[in-house]
Amino acid sequence: LVGSEMCIRDRVKGKVILTFYVNDEGRPIDIKVQGSLCPSVDKEAIRLVQEGPQWTVGGGEVTLEIQF
């Protein structure tokens, strides 16, 4: 198995840390992984933020920890 498949199979637990900005429509942009768990879980964390509810426009960088 490759790394990401092993990650899913082994049900890796921990947190992914993301940073991003919120655009004028309340959508996250420029999402970056600052604390990685494994590639497949990082990708899922990004998907959750992209498909989640609108954010309040603030102007600064947002740091978010997502627990798996």
Protein backbone atom coordinates (compact mmCIF):
# COMPACT_ATOMS: atom_id res chain seq x y z
CA LEU A 1 0.00 0.00 0.00
CA VAL A 2 1.11 3.53 -0.66
CA GLY A 3 1.33 6.13 2.13
CA SER A 4 -2.12 7.67 1.77
CA GLU A 5 -3.82 4.26 1.47
CA MET A 6 -2.03 3.11 4.61
CA CYS A 7 -3.15 6.28 6.35
CA ILE A 8 -6.82 5.52 5.60
CA ARG A 9 -6.47 1.81 6.39
CA ASP A 10 -4.79 2.50 9.73
CA ARG A 11 -7.41 5.14 10.64
CA VAL A 12 -4.82 7.70 11.56
CA LYS A 13 -5.87 10.08 14.34
CA GLY A 14 -4.62 13.56 15.05
CA LYS A 15 -5.09 17.05 13.71
CA VAL A 16 -4.51 18.93 10.51
CA ILE A 17 -3.70 22.64 10.78
CA LEU A 18 -4.83 24.85 7.91
CA THR A 19 -4.38 28.54 7.21
CA PHE A 20 -6.46 30.53 4.75
CA TYR A 21 -8.08 33.89 4.01
CA VAL A 22 -11.78 34.62 3.57
CA ASN A 23 -12.83 36.39 0.37
CA ASP A 24 -15.63 38.97 0.02
CA GLU A 25 -18.17 36.17 -0.55
CA GLY A 26 -17.23 34.46 2.72
CA ARG A 27 -15.39 31.59 1.02
CA PRO A 28 -11.96 30.34 2.12
CA ILE A 29 -9.14 31.02 -0.36
CA ASP A 30 -5.40 30.30 -0.48
CA ILE A 31 -5.77 27.25 1.82
CA LYS A 32 -2.42 25.89 3.00
CA VAL A 33 -1.60 22.91 5.21
CA GLN A 34 0.62 24.06 8.08
CA GLY A 35 0.43 20.86 10.12
CA SER A 36 0.06 17.68 8.08
CA LEU A 37 -1.33 14.35 9.25
CA CYS A 38 -1.03 12.48 5.94
CA PRO A 39 -1.86 13.46 2.34
CA SER A 40 -5.31 11.84 2.17
CA VAL A 41 -6.43 13.29 5.51
CA ASP A 42 -4.98 16.71 4.62
CA LYS A 43 -7.02 16.61 1.40
CA GLU A 44 -10.19 15.77 3.35
CA ALA A 45 -9.57 18.67 5.76
CA ILE A 46 -9.26 21.06 2.82
CA ARG A 47 -12.45 19.65 1.29
CA LEU A 48 -14.36 20.18 4.55
CA VAL A 49 -13.30 23.84 4.70
CA GLN A 50 -14.05 24.45 1.00
CA GLU A 51 -17.50 22.84 1.13
CA GLY A 52 -18.48 24.08 4.58
CA PRO A 53 -20.62 27.09 5.48
CA GLN A 54 -19.70 30.68 4.68
CA TRP A 55 -17.21 32.45 6.91
CA THR A 56 -17.42 35.99 8.25
CA VAL A 57 -15.19 38.28 6.21
CA GLY A 58 -12.46 39.58 8.50
CA GLY A 59 -9.38 40.56 6.55
CA GLY A 60 -6.73 38.52 8.32
CA GLU A 61 -5.33 35.04 8.00
CA VAL A 62 -7.39 32.29 9.66
CA THR A 63 -5.73 29.31 11.39
CA LEU A 64 -7.93 26.28 11.89
CA GLU A 65 -7.20 22.94 13.53
CA ILE A 66 -9.33 20.01 12.36
CA GLN A 67 -9.30 16.93 14.59
CA PHE A 68 -9.53 13.46 13.03
